Amino acid sequence: MQIGDKLRSLRKSRGLTTSELADKVSVSQSYISRFENNRAVPDVDMLARILEALGTSIASFFANDDSLPPELDELLKTAKKLTPSQIKAVQHLLDEMVHPQS
């Protein structure tokens, strides 16, 4: 997947239009569109600004497994911040959801 495709997917997963993202980054909508349509590649500084506006980092953006939906990626990021007792509680909840006791 190309950078532009990943940017578009991430933006859409955040429920933003290209105009809304452009406003957050203080650039034109057409500037964002050029990146998303793979007609241009943002420099590192611009990419960092765009990703910050989308709530992620360059490292996370490139580390993402393309097979994971953005929602699952966000869930994993949140899970990394949990305490051990919170992790146990989430594991219990997930077990109950996957294997409900009749």
PDB file of N, CA and C in Angstrom:
ATOM      1  N   MET A   1       0.851  -1.178   0.000  1.00  0.00           N
ATOM      2  CA  MET A   1       0.000   0.000   0.000  1.00  0.00           C
ATOM      3  C   MET A   1       0.899   1.245   0.000  1.00  0.00           C
ATOM      4  N   GLN A   2       0.592   2.205  -0.841  1.00  0.00           N
ATOM      5  CA  GLN A   2       1.384   3.429  -0.938  1.00  0.00           C
ATOM      6  C   GLN A   2       1.025   4.383   0.197  1.00  0.00           C
ATOM      7  N   ILE A   3       1.912   5.335   0.449  1.00  0.00           N
ATOM      8  CA  ILE A   3       1.708   6.299   1.529  1.00  0.00           C
ATOM      9  C   ILE A   3       0.368   7.020   1.383  1.00  0.00           C
ATOM     10  N   GLY A   4       0.060   7.464   0.182  1.00  0.00           N
ATOM     11  CA  GLY A   4      -1.191   8.183  -0.037  1.00  0.00           C
ATOM     12  C   GLY A   4      -2.417   7.355   0.310  1.00  0.00           C
ATOM     13  N   ASP A   5      -2.380   6.082  -0.067  1.00  0.00           N
ATOM     14  CA  ASP A   5      -3.491   5.183   0.244  1.00  0.00           C
ATOM     15  C   ASP A   5      -3.635   4.995   1.748  1.00  0.00           C
ATOM     16  N   LYS A   6      -2.494   4.867   2.420  1.00  0.00           N
ATOM     17  CA  LYS A   6      -2.530   4.709   3.879  1.00  0.00           C
ATOM     18  C   LYS A   6      -3.034   5.987   4.547  1.00  0.00           C
ATOM     19  N   LEU A   7      -2.610   7.140   4.042  1.00  0.00           N
ATOM     20  CA  LEU A   7      -3.095   8.405   4.608  1.00  0.00           C
ATOM     21  C   LEU A   7      -4.606   8.521   4.446  1.00  0.00           C
ATOM     22  N   ARG A   8      -5.112   8.213   3.260  1.00  0.00           N
ATOM     23  CA  ARG A   8      -6.550   8.296   3.006  1.00  0.00           C
ATOM     24  C   ARG A   8      -7.311   7.368   3.949  1.00  0.00           C
ATOM     25  N   SER A   9      -6.837   6.149   4.073  1.00  0.00           N
ATOM     26  CA  SER A   9      -7.493   5.171   4.936  1.00  0.00           C
ATOM     27  C   SER A   9      -7.513   5.644   6.391  1.00  0.00           C
ATOM     28  N   LEU A  10      -6.397   6.178   6.848  1.00  0.00           N
ATOM     29  CA  LEU A  10      -6.311   6.670   8.218  1.00  0.00           C
ATOM     30  C   LEU A  10      -7.233   7.863   8.422  1.00  0.00           C
ATOM     31  N   ARG A  11      -7.236   8.783   7.470  1.00  0.00           N
ATOM     32  CA  ARG A  11      -8.102   9.966   7.573  1.00  0.00           C
ATOM     33  C   ARG A  11      -9.566   9.550   7.644  1.00  0.00           C
ATOM     34  N   LYS A  12      -9.947   8.639   6.760  1.00  0.00           N
ATOM     35  CA  LYS A  12     -11.342   8.189   6.744  1.00  0.00           C
ATOM     36  C   LYS A  12     -11.707   7.463   8.034  1.00  0.00           C
ATOM     37  N   SER A  13     -10.771   6.703   8.585  1.00  0.00           N
ATOM     38  CA  SER A  13     -11.053   5.987   9.830  1.00  0.00           C
ATOM     39  C   SER A  13     -11.267   6.962  10.989  1.00  0.00           C
ATOM     40  N   ARG A  14     -10.735   8.167  10.837  1.00  0.00           N
ATOM     41  CA  ARG A  14     -10.911   9.203  11.864  1.00  0.00           C
ATOM     42  C   ARG A  14     -12.157  10.050  11.605  1.00  0.00           C
ATOM     43  N   GLY A  15     -12.847   9.747  10.500  1.00  0.00           N
ATOM     44  CA  GLY A  15     -14.074  10.459  10.176  1.00  0.00           C
ATOM     45  C   GLY A  15     -13.859  11.881   9.700  1.00  0.00           C
ATOM     46  N   LEU A  16     -12.698  12.143   9.096  1.00  0.00           N
ATOM     47  CA  LEU A  16     -12.375  13.491   8.618  1.00  0.00           C
ATOM     48  C   LEU A  16     -12.464  13.566   7.099  1.00  0.00           C
ATOM     49  N   THR A  17     -12.846  14.726   6.594  1.00  0.00           N
ATOM     50  CA  THR A  17     -12.769  14.992   5.158  1.00  0.00           C
ATOM     51  C   THR A  17     -11.374  15.536   4.861  1.00  0.00           C
ATOM     52  N   THR A  18     -11.034  15.605   3.584  1.00  0.00           N
ATOM     53  CA  THR A  18      -9.735  16.191   3.231  1.00  0.00           C
ATOM     54  C   THR A  18      -9.696  17.664   3.646  1.00  0.00           C
ATOM     55  N   SER A  19     -10.817  18.357   3.553  1.00  0.00           N
ATOM     56  CA  SER A  19     -10.865  19.770   3.962  1.00  0.00           C
ATOM     57  C   SER A  19     -10.635  19.924   5.455  1.00  0.00           C
ATOM     58  N   GLU A  20     -11.246  19.054   6.245  1.00  0.00           N
ATOM     59  CA  GLU A  20     -11.073  19.128   7.699  1.00  0.00           C
ATOM     60  C   GLU A  20      -9.625  18.846   8.088  1.00  0.00           C
ATOM     61  N   LEU A  21      -9.021  17.841   7.453  1.00  0.00           N
ATOM     62  CA  LEU A  21      -7.619  17.536   7.732  1.00  0.00           C
ATOM     63  C   LEU A  21      -6.738  18.704   7.305  1.00  0.00           C
ATOM     64  N   ALA A  22      -7.013  19.249   6.134  1.00  0.00           N
ATOM     65  CA  ALA A  22      -6.231  20.388   5.645  1.00  0.00           C
ATOM     66  C   ALA A  22      -6.297  21.555   6.620  1.00  0.00           C
ATOM     67  N   ASP A  23      -7.480  21.818   7.176  1.00  0.00           N
ATOM     68  CA  ASP A  23      -7.623  22.896   8.162  1.00  0.00           C
ATOM     69  C   ASP A  23      -6.773  22.635   9.395  1.00  0.00           C
ATOM     70  N   LYS A  24      -6.757  21.385   9.854  1.00  0.00           N
ATOM     71  CA  LYS A  24      -5.973  21.028  11.043  1.00  0.00           C
ATOM     72  C   LYS A  24      -4.469  21.225  10.814  1.00  0.00           C
ATOM     73  N   VAL A  25      -4.049  21.052   9.568  1.00  0.00           N
ATOM     74  CA  VAL A  25      -2.618  21.125   9.239  1.00  0.00           C
ATOM     75  C   VAL A  25      -2.247  22.492   8.651  1.00  0.00           C
ATOM     76  N   SER A  26      -3.259  23.327   8.413  1.00  0.00           N
ATOM     77  CA  SER A  26      -3.063  24.664   7.843  1.00  0.00           C
ATOM     78  C   SER A  26      -2.482  24.631   6.431  1.00  0.00           C
ATOM     79  N   VAL A  27      -3.064  23.764   5.611  1.00  0.00           N
ATOM     80  CA  VAL A  27      -2.713  23.700   4.196  1.00  0.00           C
ATOM     81  C   VAL A  27      -4.017  23.633   3.407  1.00  0.00           C
ATOM     82  N   SER A  28      -3.920  23.638   2.093  1.00  0.00           N
ATOM     83  CA  SER A  28      -5.128  23.569   1.273  1.00  0.00           C
ATOM     84  C   SER A  28      -5.616  22.122   1.145  1.00  0.00           C
ATOM     85  N   GLN A  29      -6.887  21.998   0.829  1.00  0.00           N
ATOM     86  CA  GLN A  29      -7.483  20.678   0.615  1.00  0.00           C
ATOM     87  C   GLN A  29      -6.810  19.988  -0.569  1.00  0.00           C
ATOM     88  N   SER A  30      -6.500  20.743  -1.600  1.00  0.00           N
ATOM     89  CA  SER A  30      -5.870  20.149  -2.789  1.00  0.00           C
ATOM     90  C   SER A  30      -4.468  19.615  -2.478  1.00  0.00           C
ATOM     91  N   TYR A  31      -3.799  20.252  -1.512  1.00  0.00           N
ATOM     92  CA  TYR A  31      -2.466  19.795  -1.089  1.00  0.00           C
ATOM     93  C   TYR A  31      -2.574  18.398  -0.471  1.00  0.00           C
ATOM     94  N   ILE A  32      -3.551  18.209   0.414  1.00  0.00           N
ATOM     95  CA  ILE A  32      -3.782  16.897   1.029  1.00  0.00           C
ATOM     96  C   ILE A  32      -4.194  15.892  -0.045  1.00  0.00           C
ATOM     97  N   SER A  33      -5.058  16.315  -0.941  1.00  0.00           N
ATOM     98  CA  SER A  33      -5.543  15.443  -2.012  1.00  0.00           C
ATOM     99  C   SER A  33      -4.397  14.935  -2.882  1.00  0.00           C
ATOM    100  N   ARG A  34      -3.429  15.788  -3.151  1.00  0.00           N
ATOM    101  CA  ARG A  34      -2.277  15.366  -3.967  1.00  0.00           C
ATOM    102  C   ARG A  34      -1.543  14.202  -3.300  1.00  0.00           C
ATOM    103  N   PHE A  35      -1.395  14.259  -1.981  1.00  0.00           N
ATOM    104  CA  PHE A  35      -0.723  13.168  -1.270  1.00  0.00           C
ATOM    105  C   PHE A  35      -1.565  11.897  -1.319  1.00  0.00           C
ATOM    106  N   GLU A  36      -2.858  12.051  -1.016  1.00  0.00           N
ATOM    107  CA  GLU A  36      -3.736  10.885  -0.954  1.00  0.00           C
ATOM    108  C   GLU A  36      -3.905  10.200  -2.307  1.00  0.00           C
ATOM    109  N   ASN A  37      -3.772  10.958  -3.376  1.00  0.00           N
ATOM    110  CA  ASN A  37      -3.893  10.382  -4.723  1.00  0.00           C
ATOM    111  C   ASN A  37      -2.540   9.972  -5.298  1.00  0.00           C
ATOM    112  N   ASN A  38      -1.530   9.957  -4.445  1.00  0.00           N
ATOM    113  CA  ASN A  38      -0.179   9.524  -4.816  1.00  0.00           C
ATOM    114  C   ASN A  38       0.411  10.328  -5.966  1.00  0.00           C
ATOM    115  N   ARG A  39       0.033  11.606  -6.052  1.00  0.00           N
ATOM    116  CA  ARG A  39       0.625  12.489  -7.064  1.00  0.00           C
ATOM    117  C   ARG A  39       1.820  13.246  -6.483  1.00  0.00           C
ATOM    118  N   ALA A  40       1.949  13.200  -5.154  1.00  0.00           N
ATOM    119  CA  ALA A  40       3.076  13.832  -4.477  1.00  0.00           C
ATOM    120  C   ALA A  40       3.322  13.073  -3.178  1.00  0.00           C
ATOM    121  N   VAL A  41       4.529  13.201  -2.657  1.00  0.00           N
ATOM    122  CA  VAL A  41       4.884  12.567  -1.386  1.00  0.00           C
ATOM    123  C   VAL A  41       5.260  13.683  -0.414  1.00  0.00           C
ATOM    124  N   PRO A  42       4.622  13.699   0.756  1.00  0.00           N
ATOM    125  CA  PRO A  42       4.950  14.761   1.712  1.00  0.00           C
ATOM    126  C   PRO A  42       6.368  14.592   2.244  1.00  0.00           C
ATOM    127  N   ASP A  43       7.021  15.737   2.530  1.00  0.00           N
ATOM    128  CA  ASP A  43       8.328  15.627   3.168  1.00  0.00           C
ATOM    129  C   ASP A  43       8.099  15.175   4.613  1.00  0.00           C
ATOM    130  N   VAL A  44       9.160  14.847   5.307  1.00  0.00           N
ATOM    131  CA  VAL A  44       9.057  14.280   6.650  1.00  0.00           C
ATOM    132  C   VAL A  44       8.323  15.226   7.598  1.00  0.00           C
ATOM    133  N   ASP A  45       8.618  16.516   7.538  1.00  0.00           N
ATOM    134  CA  ASP A  45       7.960  17.466   8.427  1.00  0.00           C
ATOM    135  C   ASP A  45       6.461  17.536   8.164  1.00  0.00           C
ATOM    136  N   MET A  46       6.070  17.585   6.897  1.00  0.00           N
ATOM    137  CA  MET A  46       4.649  17.644   6.562  1.00  0.00           C
ATOM    138  C   MET A  46       3.960  16.343   6.948  1.00  0.00           C
ATOM    139  N   LEU A  47       4.598  15.223   6.693  1.00  0.00           N
ATOM    140  CA  LEU A  47       4.013  13.941   7.068  1.00  0.00           C
ATOM    141  C   LEU A  47       3.797  13.880   8.576  1.00  0.00           C
ATOM    142  N   ALA A  48       4.771  14.349   9.342  1.00  0.00           N
ATOM    143  CA  ALA A  48       4.630  14.366  10.804  1.00  0.00           C
ATOM    144  C   ALA A  48       3.447  15.239  11.226  1.00  0.00           C
ATOM    145  N   ARG A  49       3.276  16.396  10.582  1.00  0.00           N
ATOM    146  CA  ARG A  49       2.151  17.284  10.906  1.00  0.00           C
ATOM    147  C   ARG A  49       0.816  16.621  10.576  1.00  0.00           C
ATOM    148  N   ILE A  50       0.746  15.988   9.431  1.00  0.00           N
ATOM    149  CA  ILE A  50      -0.492  15.305   9.022  1.00  0.00           C
ATOM    150  C   ILE A  50      -0.817  14.177  10.000  1.00  0.00           C
ATOM    151  N   LEU A  51       0.185  13.368  10.311  1.00  0.00           N
ATOM    152  CA  LEU A  51      -0.044  12.236  11.201  1.00  0.00           C
ATOM    153  C   LEU A  51      -0.392  12.688  12.612  1.00  0.00           C
ATOM    154  N   GLU A  52       0.207  13.774  13.056  1.00  0.00           N
ATOM    155  CA  GLU A  52      -0.147  14.315  14.379  1.00  0.00           C
ATOM    156  C   GLU A  52      -1.616  14.739  14.381  1.00  0.00           C
ATOM    157  N   ALA A  53      -2.056  15.372  13.310  1.00  0.00           N
ATOM    158  CA  ALA A  53      -3.460  15.786  13.197  1.00  0.00           C
ATOM    159  C   ALA A  53      -4.390  14.571  13.160  1.00  0.00           C
ATOM    160  N   LEU A  54      -3.876  13.442  12.708  1.00  0.00           N
ATOM    161  CA  LEU A  54      -4.655  12.207  12.658  1.00  0.00           C
ATOM    162  C   LEU A  54      -4.476  11.356  13.910  1.00  0.00           C
ATOM    163  N   GLY A  55      -3.711  11.871  14.864  1.00  0.00           N
ATOM    164  CA  GLY A  55      -3.564  11.179  16.139  1.00  0.00           C
ATOM    165  C   GLY A  55      -2.605  10.011  16.144  1.00  0.00           C
ATOM    166  N   THR A  56      -1.591  10.065  15.290  1.00  0.00           N
ATOM    167  CA  THR A  56      -0.613   8.983  15.275  1.00  0.00           C
ATOM    168  C   THR A  56       0.774   9.576  15.006  1.00  0.00           C
ATOM    169  N   SER A  57       1.768   8.717  14.925  1.00  0.00           N
ATOM    170  CA  SER A  57       3.145   9.158  14.706  1.00  0.00           C
ATOM    171  C   SER A  57       3.699   8.510  13.442  1.00  0.00           C
ATOM    172  N   ILE A  58       4.822   9.023  12.999  1.00  0.00           N
ATOM    173  CA  ILE A  58       5.477   8.437  11.825  1.00  0.00           C
ATOM    174  C   ILE A  58       5.838   6.976  12.104  1.00  0.00           C
ATOM    175  N   ALA A  59       6.379   6.714  13.287  1.00  0.00           N
ATOM    176  CA  ALA A  59       6.770   5.341  13.620  1.00  0.00           C
ATOM    177  C   ALA A  59       5.570   4.396  13.571  1.00  0.00           C
ATOM    178  N   SER A  60       4.468   4.803  14.158  1.00  0.00           N
ATOM    179  CA  SER A  60       3.270   3.964  14.151  1.00  0.00           C
ATOM    180  C   SER A  60       2.719   3.800  12.744  1.00  0.00           C
ATOM    181  N   PHE A  61       2.744   4.876  11.987  1.00  0.00           N
ATOM    182  CA  PHE A  61       2.218   4.850  10.623  1.00  0.00           C
ATOM    183  C   PHE A  61       2.934   3.808   9.779  1.00  0.00           C
ATOM    184  N   PHE A  62       4.263   3.756   9.892  1.00  0.00           N
ATOM    185  CA  PHE A  62       5.025   2.817   9.080  1.00  0.00           C
ATOM    186  C   PHE A  62       5.150   1.441   9.716  1.00  0.00           C
ATOM    187  N   ALA A  63       4.880   1.343  11.013  1.00  0.00           N
ATOM    188  CA  ALA A  63       4.969   0.057  11.695  1.00  0.00           C
ATOM    189  C   ALA A  63       3.679  -0.732  11.584  1.00  0.00           C
ATOM    190  N   ASN A  64       2.593  -0.073  11.196  1.00  0.00           N
ATOM    191  CA  ASN A  64       1.300  -0.750  11.118  1.00  0.00           C
ATOM    192  C   ASN A  64       1.350  -1.929  10.174  1.00  0.00           C
ATOM    193  N   ASP A  65       0.718  -2.994  10.599  1.00  0.00           N
ATOM    194  CA  ASP A  65       0.517  -4.141   9.721  1.00  0.00           C
ATOM    195  C   ASP A  65      -0.641  -3.778   8.804  1.00  0.00           C
ATOM    196  N   ASP A  66      -0.413  -3.748   7.506  1.00  0.00           N
ATOM    197  CA  ASP A  66      -1.452  -3.339   6.561  1.00  0.00           C
ATOM    198  C   ASP A  66      -2.706  -4.206   6.644  1.00  0.00           C
ATOM    199  N   SER A  67      -2.581  -5.393   7.219  1.00  0.00           N
ATOM    200  CA  SER A  67      -3.751  -6.255   7.300  1.00  0.00           C
ATOM    201  C   SER A  67      -4.640  -5.886   8.487  1.00  0.00           C
ATOM    202  N   LEU A  68      -4.163  -5.037   9.390  1.00  0.00           N
ATOM    203  CA  LEU A  68      -4.965  -4.627  10.537  1.00  0.00           C
ATOM    204  C   LEU A  68      -5.813  -3.415  10.195  1.00  0.00           C
ATOM    205  N   PRO A  69      -7.097  -3.473  10.519  1.00  0.00           N
ATOM    206  CA  PRO A  69      -7.905  -2.268  10.332  1.00  0.00           C
ATOM    207  C   PRO A  69      -7.456  -1.190  11.322  1.00  0.00           C
ATOM    208  N   PRO A  70      -7.616   0.075  10.974  1.00  0.00           N
ATOM    209  CA  PRO A  70      -7.163   1.157  11.860  1.00  0.00           C
ATOM    210  C   PRO A  70      -7.770   1.078  13.258  1.00  0.00           C
ATOM    211  N   GLU A  71      -9.010   0.598  13.366  1.00  0.00           N
ATOM    212  CA  GLU A  71      -9.652   0.499  14.671  1.00  0.00           C
ATOM    213  C   GLU A  71      -8.917  -0.484  15.580  1.00  0.00           C
ATOM    214  N   LEU A  72      -8.465  -1.595  15.009  1.00  0.00           N
ATOM    215  CA  LEU A  72      -7.732  -2.581  15.786  1.00  0.00           C
ATOM    216  C   LEU A  72      -6.364  -2.034  16.180  1.00  0.00           C
ATOM    217  N   ASP A  73      -5.741  -1.308  15.276  1.00  0.00           N
ATOM    218  CA  ASP A  73      -4.462  -0.677  15.587  1.00  0.00           C
ATOM    219  C   ASP A  73      -4.615   0.277  16.771  1.00  0.00           C
ATOM    220  N   GLU A  74      -5.684   1.066  16.779  1.00  0.00           N
ATOM    221  CA  GLU A  74      -5.935   1.994  17.889  1.00  0.00           C
ATOM    222  C   GLU A  74      -6.181   1.232  19.184  1.00  0.00           C
ATOM    223  N   LEU A  75      -6.899   0.133  19.103  1.00  0.00           N
ATOM    224  CA  LEU A  75      -7.165  -0.689  20.279  1.00  0.00           C
ATOM    225  C   LEU A  75      -5.856  -1.230  20.859  1.00  0.00           C
ATOM    226  N   LEU A  76      -4.968  -1.661  19.986  1.00  0.00           N
ATOM    227  CA  LEU A  76      -3.673  -2.174  20.444  1.00  0.00           C
ATOM    228  C   LEU A  76      -2.840  -1.076  21.109  1.00  0.00           C
ATOM    229  N   LYS A  77      -2.880   0.127  20.558  1.00  0.00           N
ATOM    230  CA  LYS A  77      -2.154   1.247  21.166  1.00  0.00           C
ATOM    231  C   LYS A  77      -2.688   1.529  22.567  1.00  0.00           C
ATOM    232  N   THR A  78      -3.995   1.495  22.703  1.00  0.00           N
ATOM    233  CA  THR A  78      -4.612   1.734  24.009  1.00  0.00           C
ATOM    234  C   THR A  78      -4.245   0.626  24.978  1.00  0.00           C
ATOM    235  N   ALA A  79      -4.268  -0.612  24.511  1.00  0.00           N
ATOM    236  CA  ALA A  79      -3.953  -1.752  25.372  1.00  0.00           C
ATOM    237  C   ALA A  79      -2.543  -1.662  25.931  1.00  0.00           C
ATOM    238  N   LYS A  80      -1.630  -1.086  25.176  1.00  0.00           N
ATOM    239  CA  LYS A  80      -0.244  -0.958  25.638  1.00  0.00           C
ATOM    240  C   LYS A  80      -0.122  -0.045  26.849  1.00  0.00           C
ATOM    241  N   LYS A  81      -1.127   0.793  27.086  1.00  0.00           N
ATOM    242  CA  LYS A  81      -1.092   1.748  28.198  1.00  0.00           C
ATOM    243  C   LYS A  81      -1.748   1.207  29.464  1.00  0.00           C
ATOM    244  N   LEU A  82      -2.337   0.010  29.396  1.00  0.00           N
ATOM    245  CA  LEU A  82      -3.057  -0.544  30.531  1.00  0.00           C
ATOM    246  C   LEU A  82      -2.123  -1.082  31.611  1.00  0.00           C
ATOM    247  N   THR A  83      -2.602  -1.037  32.842  1.00  0.00           N
ATOM    248  CA  THR A  83      -1.871  -1.632  33.959  1.00  0.00           C
ATOM    249  C   THR A  83      -2.100  -3.143  33.918  1.00  0.00           C
ATOM    250  N   PRO A  84      -1.285  -3.916  34.639  1.00  0.00           N
ATOM    251  CA  PRO A  84      -1.501  -5.368  34.662  1.00  0.00           C
ATOM    252  C   PRO A  84      -2.913  -5.767  35.117  1.00  0.00           C
ATOM    253  N   SER A  85      -3.458  -5.088  36.112  1.00  0.00           N
ATOM    254  CA  SER A  85      -4.802  -5.444  36.568  1.00  0.00           C
ATOM    255  C   SER A  85      -5.851  -5.079  35.521  1.00  0.00           C
ATOM    256  N   GLN A  86      -5.641  -3.993  34.800  1.00  0.00           N
ATOM    257  CA  GLN A  86      -6.562  -3.627  33.725  1.00  0.00           C
ATOM    258  C   GLN A  86      -6.492  -4.639  32.591  1.00  0.00           C
ATOM    259  N   ILE A  87      -5.300  -5.122  32.296  1.00  0.00           N
ATOM    260  CA  ILE A  87      -5.132  -6.131  31.251  1.00  0.00           C
ATOM    261  C   ILE A  87      -5.895  -7.394  31.621  1.00  0.00           C
ATOM    262  N   LYS A  88      -5.807  -7.825  32.897  1.00  0.00           N
ATOM    263  CA  LYS A  88      -6.544  -9.007  33.340  1.00  0.00           C
ATOM    264  C   LYS A  88      -8.045  -8.805  33.175  1.00  0.00           C
ATOM    265  N   ALA A  89      -8.532  -7.616  33.521  1.00  0.00           N
ATOM    266  CA  ALA A  89      -9.962  -7.323  33.402  1.00  0.00           C
ATOM    267  C   ALA A  89     -10.405  -7.359  31.946  1.00  0.00           C
ATOM    268  N   VAL A  90      -9.587  -6.805  31.060  1.00  0.00           N
ATOM    269  CA  VAL A  90      -9.918  -6.813  29.633  1.00  0.00           C
ATOM    270  C   VAL A  90      -9.888  -8.245  29.099  1.00  0.00           C
ATOM    271  N   GLN A  91      -8.886  -9.021  29.512  1.00  0.00           N
ATOM    272  CA  GLN A  91      -8.814 -10.412  29.073  1.00  0.00           C
ATOM    273  C   GLN A  91     -10.060 -11.175  29.503  1.00  0.00           C
ATOM    274  N   HIS A  92     -10.494 -10.948  30.744  1.00  0.00           N
ATOM    275  CA  HIS A  92     -11.702 -11.612  31.248  1.00  0.00           C
ATOM    276  C   HIS A  92     -12.919 -11.211  30.409  1.00  0.00           C
ATOM    277  N   LEU A  93     -13.052  -9.919  30.147  1.00  0.00           N
ATOM    278  CA  LEU A  93     -14.169  -9.426  29.343  1.00  0.00           C
ATOM    279  C   LEU A  93     -14.155 -10.043  27.947  1.00  0.00           C
ATOM    280  N   LEU A  94     -12.994 -10.081  27.320  1.00  0.00           N
ATOM    281  CA  LEU A  94     -12.888 -10.666  25.982  1.00  0.00           C
ATOM    282  C   LEU A  94     -13.209 -12.159  25.995  1.00  0.00           C
ATOM    283  N   ASP A  95     -12.735 -12.857  27.024  1.00  0.00           N
ATOM    284  CA  ASP A  95     -13.055 -14.283  27.135  1.00  0.00           C
ATOM    285  C   ASP A  95     -14.559 -14.491  27.222  1.00  0.00           C
ATOM    286  N   GLU A  96     -15.222 -13.635  27.999  1.00  0.00           N
ATOM    287  CA  GLU A  96     -16.681 -13.750  28.150  1.00  0.00           C
ATOM    288  C   GLU A  96     -17.391 -13.438  26.827  1.00  0.00           C
ATOM    289  N   MET A  97     -16.849 -12.508  26.066  1.00  0.00           N
ATOM    290  CA  MET A  97     -17.468 -12.159  24.792  1.00  0.00           C
ATOM    291  C   MET A  97     -17.282 -13.261  23.759  1.00  0.00           C
ATOM    292  N   VAL A  98     -16.105 -13.862  23.738  1.00  0.00           N
ATOM    293  CA  VAL A  98     -15.791 -14.893  22.753  1.00  0.00           C
ATOM    294  C   VAL A  98     -16.385 -16.249  23.148  1.00  0.00           C
ATOM    295  N   HIS A  99     -16.374 -16.535  24.439  1.00  0.00           N
ATOM    296  CA  HIS A  99     -16.868 -17.823  24.947  1.00  0.00           C
ATOM    297  C   HIS A  99     -17.910 -17.564  26.034  1.00  0.00           C
ATOM    298  N   PRO A 100     -19.078 -17.068  25.656  1.00  0.00           N
ATOM    299  CA  PRO A 100     -20.090 -16.790  26.685  1.00  0.00           C
ATOM    300  C   PRO A 100     -20.551 -18.079  27.353  1.00  0.00           C
ATOM    301  N   GLN A 101     -20.736 -17.996  28.657  1.00  0.00           N
ATOM    302  CA  GLN A 101     -21.219 -19.152  29.398  1.00  0.00           C
ATOM    303  C   GLN A 101     -22.735 -19.157  29.381  1.00  0.00           C
ATOM    304  N   SER A 102     -23.281 -20.255  28.926  1.00  0.00           N
ATOM    305  CA  SER A 102     -24.747 -20.356  28.797  1.00  0.00           C
ATOM    306  C   SER A 102     -25.423 -20.583  30.108  1.00  0.00           C
TER     307      SER A 102
END
